[in-house]
Amino acid sequence: MRKPKPQPNVPSASQADAQAQLDSFLAKYDPPVAAFGRRAVTKMRKLVPGAIEMVYDNYNWLVIGFSPTERPSEAIFSIVMPPGRVTLCFLQGAGLPDPTKRLQGSGNTVRNIRLYNASEPDARILDQPDVRDLINLALNRAKVPMPGKGRRKLVIRAISARQRPRRPGAGKN
């Protein structure tokens, strides 16, 4: 069995420390976007209670992946937060049947649903039956099944030293 590679720039942390770090990453966003992002993470935690949550505070945006293991290639979902938006990515979503045409994207692997755009009101998309059906279908078709039970784990995988502003218009003269 291969030993996982150590991750650079990633401090070891307890779950409480990891949650505090995630909260600090979300605090970089405009308050309504941060609040919606928190609600989306909370809902995903309920939908995939045994998931390993892998957090990447990258140069462009914040990414919170939900995986059955600590292998990023096995992740099933991620919440991606560019400035002013919250998106749910189906990381194995290209082959999912989508009768209501909710999924966006044309890549070979990933599809997404825009959950929140700062210029639009909170639509509560994660509560809609057709979106829940897509989430359940993605879980059932995943390469590696998500554990139905178990303790969730939050892992800070990467923190970029340089980052674009998280708020629209920030950093412009």
N, C-alpha and C. Protein backbone atom coordinates (compact mmCIF):
# COMPACT_ATOMS: atom_id res chain seq x y z
N MET A 1 0.84 -1.18 0.00
CA MET A 1 0.00 0.00 0.00
C MET A 1 0.89 1.24 0.00
N ARG A 2 0.58 2.17 -0.90
CA ARG A 2 1.37 3.39 -1.00
C ARG A 2 1.10 4.32 0.15
N LYS A 3 2.14 4.93 0.62
CA LYS A 3 2.03 5.92 1.69
C LYS A 3 1.66 7.26 1.06
N PRO A 4 0.67 7.99 1.61
CA PRO A 4 0.30 9.27 1.01
C PRO A 4 1.45 10.27 1.08
N LYS A 5 1.54 11.09 0.03
CA LYS A 5 2.57 12.13 0.00
C LYS A 5 2.24 13.21 1.01
N PRO A 6 3.24 13.74 1.69
CA PRO A 6 2.97 14.87 2.59
C PRO A 6 2.55 16.07 1.77
N GLN A 7 1.62 16.84 2.30
CA GLN A 7 1.11 18.02 1.62
C GLN A 7 1.86 19.26 2.09
N PRO A 8 2.47 20.01 1.17
CA PRO A 8 3.17 21.23 1.58
C PRO A 8 2.18 22.31 1.98
N ASN A 9 2.61 23.21 2.83
CA ASN A 9 1.81 24.36 3.24
C ASN A 9 0.52 23.97 3.94
N VAL A 10 0.46 22.80 4.53
CA VAL A 10 -0.75 22.36 5.20
C VAL A 10 -0.42 22.04 6.65
N PRO A 11 -0.89 22.88 7.57
CA PRO A 11 -0.63 22.60 8.97
C PRO A 11 -1.48 21.43 9.46
N SER A 12 -0.95 20.63 10.37
CA SER A 12 -1.78 19.59 10.97
C SER A 12 -2.72 20.28 11.96
N ALA A 13 -3.93 19.79 12.03
CA ALA A 13 -4.90 20.49 12.87
C ALA A 13 -5.93 19.51 13.40
N SER A 14 -6.46 19.84 14.55
CA SER A 14 -7.58 19.08 15.09
C SER A 14 -8.82 19.45 14.27
N GLN A 15 -9.88 18.72 14.48
CA GLN A 15 -11.12 19.03 13.75
C GLN A 15 -11.64 20.43 14.10
N ALA A 16 -11.50 20.82 15.34
CA ALA A 16 -11.94 22.17 15.73
C ALA A 16 -11.08 23.23 15.05
N ASP A 17 -9.77 22.98 14.99
CA ASP A 17 -8.88 23.92 14.30
C ASP A 17 -9.19 23.97 12.81
N ALA A 18 -9.45 22.81 12.22
CA ALA A 18 -9.78 22.76 10.80
C ALA A 18 -11.08 23.53 10.53
N GLN A 19 -12.07 23.37 11.40
CA GLN A 19 -13.32 24.11 11.23
C GLN A 19 -13.09 25.60 11.38
N ALA A 20 -12.26 26.00 12.32
CA ALA A 20 -11.94 27.42 12.50
C ALA A 20 -11.25 27.97 11.26
N GLN A 21 -10.37 27.17 10.65
CA GLN A 21 -9.71 27.61 9.42
C GLN A 21 -10.72 27.75 8.29
N LEU A 22 -11.62 26.78 8.15
CA LEU A 22 -12.64 26.87 7.12
C LEU A 22 -13.49 28.12 7.34
N ASP A 23 -13.87 28.39 8.57
CA ASP A 23 -14.65 29.60 8.88
C ASP A 23 -13.88 30.85 8.48
N SER A 24 -12.56 30.87 8.71
CA SER A 24 -11.76 32.04 8.34
C SER A 24 -11.68 32.19 6.82
N PHE A 25 -11.65 31.08 6.09
CA PHE A 25 -11.65 31.15 4.63
C PHE A 25 -12.97 31.73 4.12
N LEU A 26 -14.08 31.27 4.72
CA LEU A 26 -15.40 31.77 4.32
C LEU A 26 -15.57 33.25 4.66
N ALA A 27 -14.94 33.70 5.73
CA ALA A 27 -15.07 35.09 6.16
C ALA A 27 -14.45 36.07 5.17
N LYS A 28 -13.67 35.59 4.22
CA LYS A 28 -13.07 36.46 3.21
C LYS A 28 -14.10 36.93 2.18
N TYR A 29 -15.24 36.27 2.15
CA TYR A 29 -16.28 36.57 1.17
C TYR A 29 -17.25 37.61 1.71
N ASP A 30 -18.01 38.23 0.79
CA ASP A 30 -19.09 39.12 1.22
C ASP A 30 -19.99 38.34 2.16
N PRO A 31 -20.53 38.98 3.20
CA PRO A 31 -21.34 38.24 4.19
C PRO A 31 -22.47 37.39 3.61
N PRO A 32 -23.26 37.87 2.62
CA PRO A 32 -24.32 36.99 2.11
C PRO A 32 -23.78 35.74 1.39
N VAL A 33 -22.66 35.88 0.69
CA VAL A 33 -22.06 34.74 0.00
C VAL A 33 -21.50 33.76 1.03
N ALA A 34 -20.81 34.28 2.04
CA ALA A 34 -20.26 33.43 3.09
C ALA A 34 -21.37 32.67 3.82
N ALA A 35 -22.46 33.37 4.13
CA ALA A 35 -23.58 32.73 4.83
C ALA A 35 -24.19 31.62 3.97
N PHE A 36 -24.37 31.90 2.68
CA PHE A 36 -24.91 30.87 1.80
C PHE A 36 -23.94 29.70 1.69
N GLY A 37 -22.64 29.98 1.58
CA GLY A 37 -21.65 28.91 1.52
C GLY A 37 -21.70 28.03 2.75
N ARG A 38 -21.85 28.65 3.91
CA ARG A 38 -21.96 27.86 5.16
C ARG A 38 -23.19 26.97 5.14
N ARG A 39 -24.32 27.53 4.68
CA ARG A 39 -25.55 26.74 4.61
C ARG A 39 -25.39 25.58 3.62
N ALA A 40 -24.74 25.83 2.49
CA ALA A 40 -24.54 24.77 1.50
C ALA A 40 -23.66 23.66 2.07
N VAL A 41 -22.61 24.01 2.78
CA VAL A 41 -21.75 23.00 3.40
C VAL A 41 -22.54 22.20 4.43
N THR A 42 -23.35 22.89 5.26
CA THR A 42 -24.16 22.21 6.27
C THR A 42 -25.13 21.22 5.61
N LYS A 43 -25.77 21.62 4.51
CA LYS A 43 -26.70 20.72 3.82
C LYS A 43 -25.96 19.52 3.22
N MET A 44 -24.81 19.77 2.64
CA MET A 44 -24.04 18.66 2.06
C MET A 44 -23.58 17.71 3.16
N ARG A 45 -23.23 18.23 4.32
CA ARG A 45 -22.84 17.36 5.43
C ARG A 45 -23.98 16.44 5.83
N LYS A 46 -25.21 16.93 5.76
CA LYS A 46 -26.36 16.09 6.09
C LYS A 46 -26.62 15.05 4.99
N LEU A 47 -26.36 15.42 3.75
CA LEU A 47 -26.62 14.51 2.63
C LEU A 47 -25.54 13.44 2.50
N VAL A 48 -24.32 13.74 2.92
CA VAL A 48 -23.21 12.78 2.85
C VAL A 48 -22.49 12.76 4.20
N PRO A 49 -23.15 12.20 5.23
CA PRO A 49 -22.64 12.32 6.60
C PRO A 49 -21.30 11.64 6.87
N GLY A 50 -20.91 10.66 6.10
CA GLY A 50 -19.64 9.99 6.35
C GLY A 50 -18.50 10.49 5.50
N ALA A 51 -18.70 11.60 4.80
CA ALA A 51 -17.70 12.09 3.85
C ALA A 51 -16.45 12.64 4.52
N ILE A 52 -15.36 12.52 3.79
CA ILE A 52 -14.13 13.23 4.12
C ILE A 52 -14.25 14.56 3.38
N GLU A 53 -14.15 15.66 4.10
CA GLU A 53 -14.22 16.98 3.48
C GLU A 53 -12.80 17.50 3.31
N MET A 54 -12.44 17.75 2.07
CA MET A 54 -11.10 18.25 1.77
C MET A 54 -11.21 19.70 1.32
N VAL A 55 -10.49 20.57 2.02
CA VAL A 55 -10.59 22.01 1.77
C VAL A 55 -9.31 22.51 1.10
N TYR A 56 -9.52 23.27 0.04
CA TYR A 56 -8.42 23.90 -0.71
C TYR A 56 -8.74 25.39 -0.80
N ASP A 57 -7.95 26.20 -0.14
CA ASP A 57 -8.10 27.65 -0.25
C ASP A 57 -7.08 28.09 -1.30
N ASN A 58 -7.47 27.96 -2.57
CA ASN A 58 -6.57 28.13 -3.70
C ASN A 58 -6.42 29.59 -4.10
N TYR A 59 -5.61 29.80 -5.12
CA TYR A 59 -5.38 31.14 -5.66
C TYR A 59 -6.68 31.76 -6.15
N ASN A 60 -7.48 31.01 -6.91
CA ASN A 60 -8.69 31.56 -7.51
C ASN A 60 -9.92 31.54 -6.60
N TRP A 61 -10.08 30.48 -5.82
CA TRP A 61 -11.29 30.35 -5.02
C TRP A 61 -11.16 29.28 -3.95
N LEU A 62 -12.18 29.19 -3.13
CA LEU A 62 -12.27 28.19 -2.08
C LEU A 62 -13.00 26.96 -2.63
N VAL A 63 -12.46 25.77 -2.34
CA VAL A 63 -13.06 24.52 -2.78
C VAL A 63 -13.20 23.61 -1.57
N ILE A 64 -14.39 23.03 -1.39
CA ILE A 64 -14.64 22.08 -0.32
C ILE A 64 -15.14 20.80 -0.98
N GLY A 65 -14.28 19.78 -1.03
CA GLY A 65 -14.62 18.53 -1.68
C GLY A 65 -15.20 17.53 -0.69
N PHE A 66 -16.09 16.68 -1.18
CA PHE A 66 -16.72 15.64 -0.37
C PHE A 66 -16.40 14.30 -1.00
N SER A 67 -15.67 13.46 -0.26
CA SER A 67 -15.14 12.22 -0.81
C SER A 67 -15.32 11.07 0.18
N PRO A 68 -15.41 9.84 -0.34
CA PRO A 68 -15.47 8.68 0.55
C PRO A 68 -14.12 8.38 1.19
N THR A 69 -13.04 8.88 0.60
CA THR A 69 -11.68 8.65 1.10
C THR A 69 -10.90 9.97 1.05
N GLU A 70 -9.66 9.92 1.47
CA GLU A 70 -8.82 11.12 1.39
C GLU A 70 -8.12 11.25 0.04
N ARG A 71 -8.51 10.46 -0.92
CA ARG A 71 -7.97 10.58 -2.27
C ARG A 71 -8.82 11.57 -3.06
N PRO A 72 -8.26 12.69 -3.48
CA PRO A 72 -9.03 13.68 -4.24
C PRO A 72 -9.67 13.11 -5.50
N SER A 73 -9.03 12.14 -6.13
CA SER A 73 -9.57 11.56 -7.37
C SER A 73 -10.86 10.78 -7.13
N GLU A 74 -11.17 10.47 -5.89
CA GLU A 74 -12.39 9.72 -5.58
C GLU A 74 -13.52 10.61 -5.07
N ALA A 75 -13.28 11.91 -5.00
CA ALA A 75 -14.31 12.84 -4.54
C ALA A 75 -15.52 12.79 -5.47
N ILE A 76 -16.68 12.97 -4.91
CA ILE A 76 -17.93 12.91 -5.67
C ILE A 76 -18.50 14.30 -5.89
N PHE A 77 -18.38 15.17 -4.91
CA PHE A 77 -18.90 16.53 -4.99
C PHE A 77 -17.86 17.53 -4.51
N SER A 78 -18.04 18.76 -4.93
CA SER A 78 -17.31 19.86 -4.29
C SER A 78 -18.17 21.11 -4.35
N ILE A 79 -18.01 21.91 -3.34
CA ILE A 79 -18.59 23.25 -3.34
C ILE A 79 -17.45 24.18 -3.71
N VAL A 80 -17.65 24.95 -4.76
CA VAL A 80 -16.64 25.85 -5.28
C VAL A 80 -17.16 27.27 -5.12
N MET A 81 -16.29 28.13 -4.58
CA MET A 81 -16.73 29.50 -4.30
C MET A 81 -15.82 30.53 -4.96
N PRO A 82 -16.11 30.87 -6.22
CA PRO A 82 -15.46 32.03 -6.80
C PRO A 82 -16.09 33.29 -6.18
N PRO A 83 -15.50 34.46 -6.35
CA PRO A 83 -16.11 35.66 -5.76
C PRO A 83 -17.57 35.84 -6.19
N GLY A 84 -18.44 36.03 -5.21
CA GLY A 84 -19.85 36.31 -5.49
C GLY A 84 -20.71 35.12 -5.86
N ARG A 85 -20.16 33.90 -5.83
CA ARG A 85 -20.94 32.74 -6.27
C ARG A 85 -20.66 31.53 -5.40
N VAL A 86 -21.60 30.59 -5.44
CA VAL A 86 -21.43 29.28 -4.81
C VAL A 86 -21.93 28.25 -5.83
N THR A 87 -21.10 27.28 -6.14
CA THR A 87 -21.42 26.28 -7.16
C THR A 87 -21.23 24.89 -6.57
N LEU A 88 -22.14 23.98 -6.90
CA LEU A 88 -21.98 22.57 -6.53
C LEU A 88 -21.49 21.83 -7.75
N CYS A 89 -20.31 21.20 -7.64
CA CYS A 89 -19.75 20.42 -8.73
C CYS A 89 -20.00 18.94 -8.49
N PHE A 90 -20.43 18.27 -9.53
CA PHE A 90 -20.58 16.82 -9.55
C PHE A 90 -19.32 16.32 -10.23
N LEU A 91 -18.35 15.87 -9.46
CA LEU A 91 -17.02 15.57 -9.97
C LEU A 91 -16.96 14.33 -10.84
N GLN A 92 -18.01 13.51 -10.80
CA GLN A 92 -18.14 12.35 -11.68
C GLN A 92 -19.46 12.47 -12.45
N GLY A 93 -19.82 13.70 -12.81
CA GLY A 93 -21.17 13.98 -13.29
C GLY A 93 -21.42 13.95 -14.77
N ALA A 94 -20.39 13.75 -15.60
CA ALA A 94 -20.59 13.84 -17.05
C ALA A 94 -21.59 12.82 -17.58
N GLY A 95 -21.67 11.65 -16.98
CA GLY A 95 -22.58 10.62 -17.48
C GLY A 95 -23.93 10.57 -16.79
N LEU A 96 -24.20 11.52 -15.89
CA LEU A 96 -25.46 11.48 -15.16
C LEU A 96 -26.63 11.85 -16.07
N PRO A 97 -27.71 11.07 -16.04
CA PRO A 97 -28.91 11.50 -16.75
C PRO A 97 -29.48 12.74 -16.06
N ASP A 98 -29.89 13.70 -16.84
CA ASP A 98 -30.35 14.98 -16.31
C ASP A 98 -31.63 15.42 -17.04
N PRO A 99 -32.75 14.77 -16.74
CA PRO A 99 -33.98 15.07 -17.49
C PRO A 99 -34.46 16.51 -17.33
N THR A 100 -34.15 17.16 -16.22
CA THR A 100 -34.61 18.53 -16.02
C THR A 100 -33.57 19.57 -16.44
N LYS A 101 -32.45 19.11 -17.00
CA LYS A 101 -31.39 19.98 -17.55
C LYS A 101 -30.86 20.96 -16.51
N ARG A 102 -30.58 20.47 -15.31
CA ARG A 102 -30.03 21.32 -14.24
C ARG A 102 -28.51 21.44 -14.32
N LEU A 103 -27.86 20.37 -14.82
CA LEU A 103 -26.40 20.34 -14.83
C LEU A 103 -25.84 21.20 -15.95
N GLN A 104 -24.80 21.95 -15.63
CA GLN A 104 -24.11 22.79 -16.60
C GLN A 104 -22.72 22.23 -16.82
N GLY A 105 -22.12 22.58 -17.95
CA GLY A 105 -20.76 22.17 -18.26
C GLY A 105 -20.73 21.18 -19.40
N SER A 106 -19.58 21.13 -20.05
CA SER A 106 -19.45 20.24 -21.20
C SER A 106 -18.14 19.46 -21.18
N GLY A 107 -17.46 19.44 -20.06
CA GLY A 107 -16.20 18.71 -19.96
C GLY A 107 -16.39 17.21 -19.98
N ASN A 108 -15.29 16.49 -19.94
CA ASN A 108 -15.34 15.03 -19.99
C ASN A 108 -15.74 14.39 -18.67
N THR A 109 -15.67 15.14 -17.56
CA THR A 109 -15.89 14.53 -16.26
C THR A 109 -16.87 15.28 -15.38
N VAL A 110 -16.71 16.57 -15.23
CA VAL A 110 -17.43 17.37 -14.22
C VAL A 110 -18.64 18.08 -14.81
N ARG A 111 -19.69 18.15 -14.00
CA ARG A 111 -20.85 18.99 -14.28
C ARG A 111 -21.10 19.82 -13.02
N ASN A 112 -21.87 20.89 -13.13
CA ASN A 112 -22.10 21.74 -11.97
C ASN A 112 -23.48 22.36 -12.00
N ILE A 113 -23.88 22.83 -10.84
CA ILE A 113 -25.12 23.58 -10.66
C ILE A 113 -24.78 24.84 -9.88
N ARG A 114 -25.12 25.98 -10.43
CA ARG A 114 -24.91 27.23 -9.71
C ARG A 114 -25.95 27.32 -8.61
N LEU A 115 -25.49 27.35 -7.38
CA LEU A 115 -26.38 27.42 -6.23
C LEU A 115 -26.73 28.85 -5.85
N TYR A 116 -25.77 29.74 -6.05
CA TYR A 116 -25.95 31.12 -5.59
C TYR A 116 -25.12 32.04 -6.46
N ASN A 117 -25.72 33.13 -6.85
CA ASN A 117 -25.02 34.21 -7.54
C ASN A 117 -25.39 35.47 -6.80
N ALA A 118 -24.42 36.28 -6.44
CA ALA A 118 -24.66 37.47 -5.60
C ALA A 118 -25.70 38.40 -6.21
N SER A 119 -25.89 38.36 -7.53
CA SER A 119 -26.88 39.24 -8.14
C SER A 119 -28.29 38.66 -8.15
N GLU A 120 -28.44 37.43 -7.61
CA GLU A 120 -29.75 36.77 -7.57
C GLU A 120 -30.07 36.38 -6.14
N PRO A 121 -31.34 36.31 -5.79
CA PRO A 121 -31.69 35.89 -4.43
C PRO A 121 -31.39 34.41 -4.20
N ASP A 122 -31.30 34.04 -2.94
CA ASP A 122 -31.07 32.66 -2.53
C ASP A 122 -32.24 31.81 -3.01
N ALA A 123 -31.99 30.91 -3.93
CA ALA A 123 -33.07 30.12 -4.53
C ALA A 123 -33.30 28.79 -3.82
N ARG A 124 -32.48 28.44 -2.82
CA ARG A 124 -32.62 27.18 -2.08
C ARG A 124 -32.59 25.97 -3.02
N ILE A 125 -31.68 26.01 -3.96
CA ILE A 125 -31.61 24.97 -4.98
C ILE A 125 -31.35 23.59 -4.38
N LEU A 126 -30.54 23.50 -3.34
CA LEU A 126 -30.24 22.19 -2.75
C LEU A 126 -31.47 21.51 -2.15
N ASP A 127 -32.54 22.24 -1.95
CA ASP A 127 -33.77 21.67 -1.40
C ASP A 127 -34.72 21.16 -2.49
N GLN A 128 -34.43 21.45 -3.74
CA GLN A 128 -35.34 21.10 -4.83
C GLN A 128 -35.24 19.61 -5.16
N PRO A 129 -36.37 18.95 -5.37
CA PRO A 129 -36.38 17.50 -5.58
C PRO A 129 -35.50 17.03 -6.75
N ASP A 130 -35.50 17.75 -7.87
CA ASP A 130 -34.69 17.28 -9.00
C ASP A 130 -33.19 17.37 -8.71
N VAL A 131 -32.79 18.34 -7.90
CA VAL A 131 -31.38 18.45 -7.51
C VAL A 131 -31.03 17.34 -6.52
N ARG A 132 -31.91 17.08 -5.57
CA ARG A 132 -31.69 15.97 -4.63
C ARG A 132 -31.60 14.64 -5.38
N ASP A 133 -32.43 14.48 -6.42
CA ASP A 133 -32.36 13.27 -7.24
C ASP A 133 -30.99 13.13 -7.91
N LEU A 134 -30.45 14.24 -8.43
CA LEU A 134 -29.13 14.22 -9.06
C LEU A 134 -28.04 13.87 -8.04
N ILE A 135 -28.15 14.41 -6.85
CA ILE A 135 -27.18 14.11 -5.79
C ILE A 135 -27.23 12.63 -5.44
N ASN A 136 -28.43 12.09 -5.26
CA ASN A 136 -28.58 10.66 -4.94
C ASN A 136 -28.07 9.78 -6.08
N LEU A 137 -28.35 10.16 -7.31
CA LEU A 137 -27.87 9.41 -8.46
C LEU A 137 -26.34 9.43 -8.52
N ALA A 138 -25.74 10.59 -8.26
CA ALA A 138 -24.27 10.69 -8.25
C ALA A 138 -23.68 9.81 -7.15
N LEU A 139 -24.32 9.78 -6.00
CA LEU A 139 -23.84 8.92 -4.91
C LEU A 139 -23.93 7.44 -5.30
N ASN A 140 -25.03 7.06 -5.94
CA ASN A 140 -25.22 5.66 -6.33
C ASN A 140 -24.28 5.21 -7.44
N ARG A 141 -23.82 6.15 -8.28
CA ARG A 141 -22.96 5.81 -9.41
C ARG A 141 -21.48 6.09 -9.15
N ALA A 142 -21.14 6.54 -7.97
CA ALA A 142 -19.76 6.91 -7.66
C ALA A 142 -18.80 5.74 -7.84
N LYS A 143 -17.56 6.07 -8.27
CA LYS A 143 -16.52 5.04 -8.44
C LYS A 143 -16.25 4.31 -7.13
N VAL A 144 -16.20 5.06 -6.04
CA VAL A 144 -16.02 4.50 -4.71
C VAL A 144 -17.23 4.95 -3.89
N PRO A 145 -17.97 4.01 -3.29
CA PRO A 145 -19.18 4.41 -2.57
C PRO A 145 -18.88 5.26 -1.34
N MET A 146 -19.77 6.18 -1.08
CA MET A 146 -19.68 7.03 0.11
C MET A 146 -20.17 6.21 1.29
N PRO A 147 -19.42 6.23 2.40
CA PRO A 147 -19.91 5.50 3.58
C PRO A 147 -21.22 6.12 4.06
N GLY A 148 -22.18 5.28 4.37
CA GLY A 148 -23.47 5.78 4.83
C GLY A 148 -23.42 6.33 6.24
N LYS A 149 -22.53 5.78 7.01
CA LYS A 149 -22.39 6.21 8.40
C LYS A 149 -20.93 6.47 8.66
N GLY A 150 -20.67 6.89 9.83
CA GLY A 150 -19.28 7.13 10.20
C GLY A 150 -19.08 8.59 10.54
N ARG A 151 -17.93 8.84 11.05
CA ARG A 151 -17.62 10.19 11.46
C ARG A 151 -17.06 10.96 10.28
N ARG A 152 -17.61 12.12 10.03
CA ARG A 152 -17.08 12.96 8.97
C ARG A 152 -15.74 13.51 9.43
N LYS A 153 -14.91 13.83 8.47
CA LYS A 153 -13.58 14.34 8.78
C LYS A 153 -13.33 15.55 7.89
N LEU A 154 -12.85 16.62 8.48
CA LEU A 154 -12.53 17.84 7.77
C LEU A 154 -11.01 17.95 7.68
N VAL A 155 -10.50 18.05 6.46
CA VAL A 155 -9.06 18.09 6.23
C VAL A 155 -8.72 19.33 5.42
N ILE A 156 -7.84 20.16 5.95
CA ILE A 156 -7.35 21.31 5.19
C ILE A 156 -6.20 20.79 4.34
N ARG A 157 -6.41 20.72 3.02
CA ARG A 157 -5.42 20.11 2.13
C ARG A 157 -4.42 21.12 1.60
N ALA A 158 -4.85 22.34 1.31
CA ALA A 158 -3.93 23.32 0.73
C ALA A 158 -4.41 24.73 1.02
N ILE A 159 -3.44 25.58 1.26
CA ILE A 159 -3.71 27.01 1.45
C ILE A 159 -2.71 27.75 0.58
N SER A 160 -3.21 28.47 -0.39
CA SER A 160 -2.34 29.21 -1.29
C SER A 160 -1.86 30.49 -0.60
N ALA A 161 -0.57 30.76 -0.70
CA ALA A 161 -0.01 31.97 -0.09
C ALA A 161 -0.52 33.22 -0.80
N ARG A 162 -0.68 33.14 -2.11
CA ARG A 162 -1.22 34.26 -2.88
C ARG A 162 -2.62 33.91 -3.33
N GLN A 163 -3.54 34.88 -3.20
CA GLN A 163 -4.92 34.62 -3.59
C GLN A 163 -5.53 35.85 -4.25
N ARG A 164 -6.42 35.58 -5.18
CA ARG A 164 -7.22 36.65 -5.74
C ARG A 164 -8.22 37.10 -4.69
N PRO A 165 -8.67 38.35 -4.77
CA PRO A 165 -9.69 38.80 -3.81
C PRO A 165 -10.94 37.93 -3.88
N ARG A 166 -11.55 37.69 -2.74
CA ARG A 166 -12.73 36.86 -2.65
C ARG A 166 -14.03 37.66 -2.79
N ARG A 167 -13.91 38.96 -2.77
CA ARG A 167 -15.10 39.81 -2.92
C ARG A 167 -15.05 40.49 -4.28
N PRO A 168 -16.17 40.48 -5.02
CA PRO A 168 -16.17 41.14 -6.33
C PRO A 168 -15.76 42.61 -6.20
N GLY A 169 -14.91 43.05 -7.09
CA GLY A 169 -14.48 44.45 -7.07
C GLY A 169 -13.35 44.74 -6.11
N ALA A 170 -13.03 43.83 -5.21
CA ALA A 170 -11.94 44.07 -4.26
C ALA A 170 -10.61 44.04 -5.00
N GLY A 171 -9.70 44.88 -4.63
CA GLY A 171 -8.38 44.91 -5.22
C GLY A 171 -8.29 45.73 -6.49
N LYS A 172 -9.41 46.34 -6.93
CA LYS A 172 -9.38 47.18 -8.12
C LYS A 172 -9.21 48.63 -7.70
N ASN A 173 -8.51 49.38 -8.50
CA ASN A 173 -8.31 50.81 -8.21
C ASN A 173 -9.35 51.65 -8.88
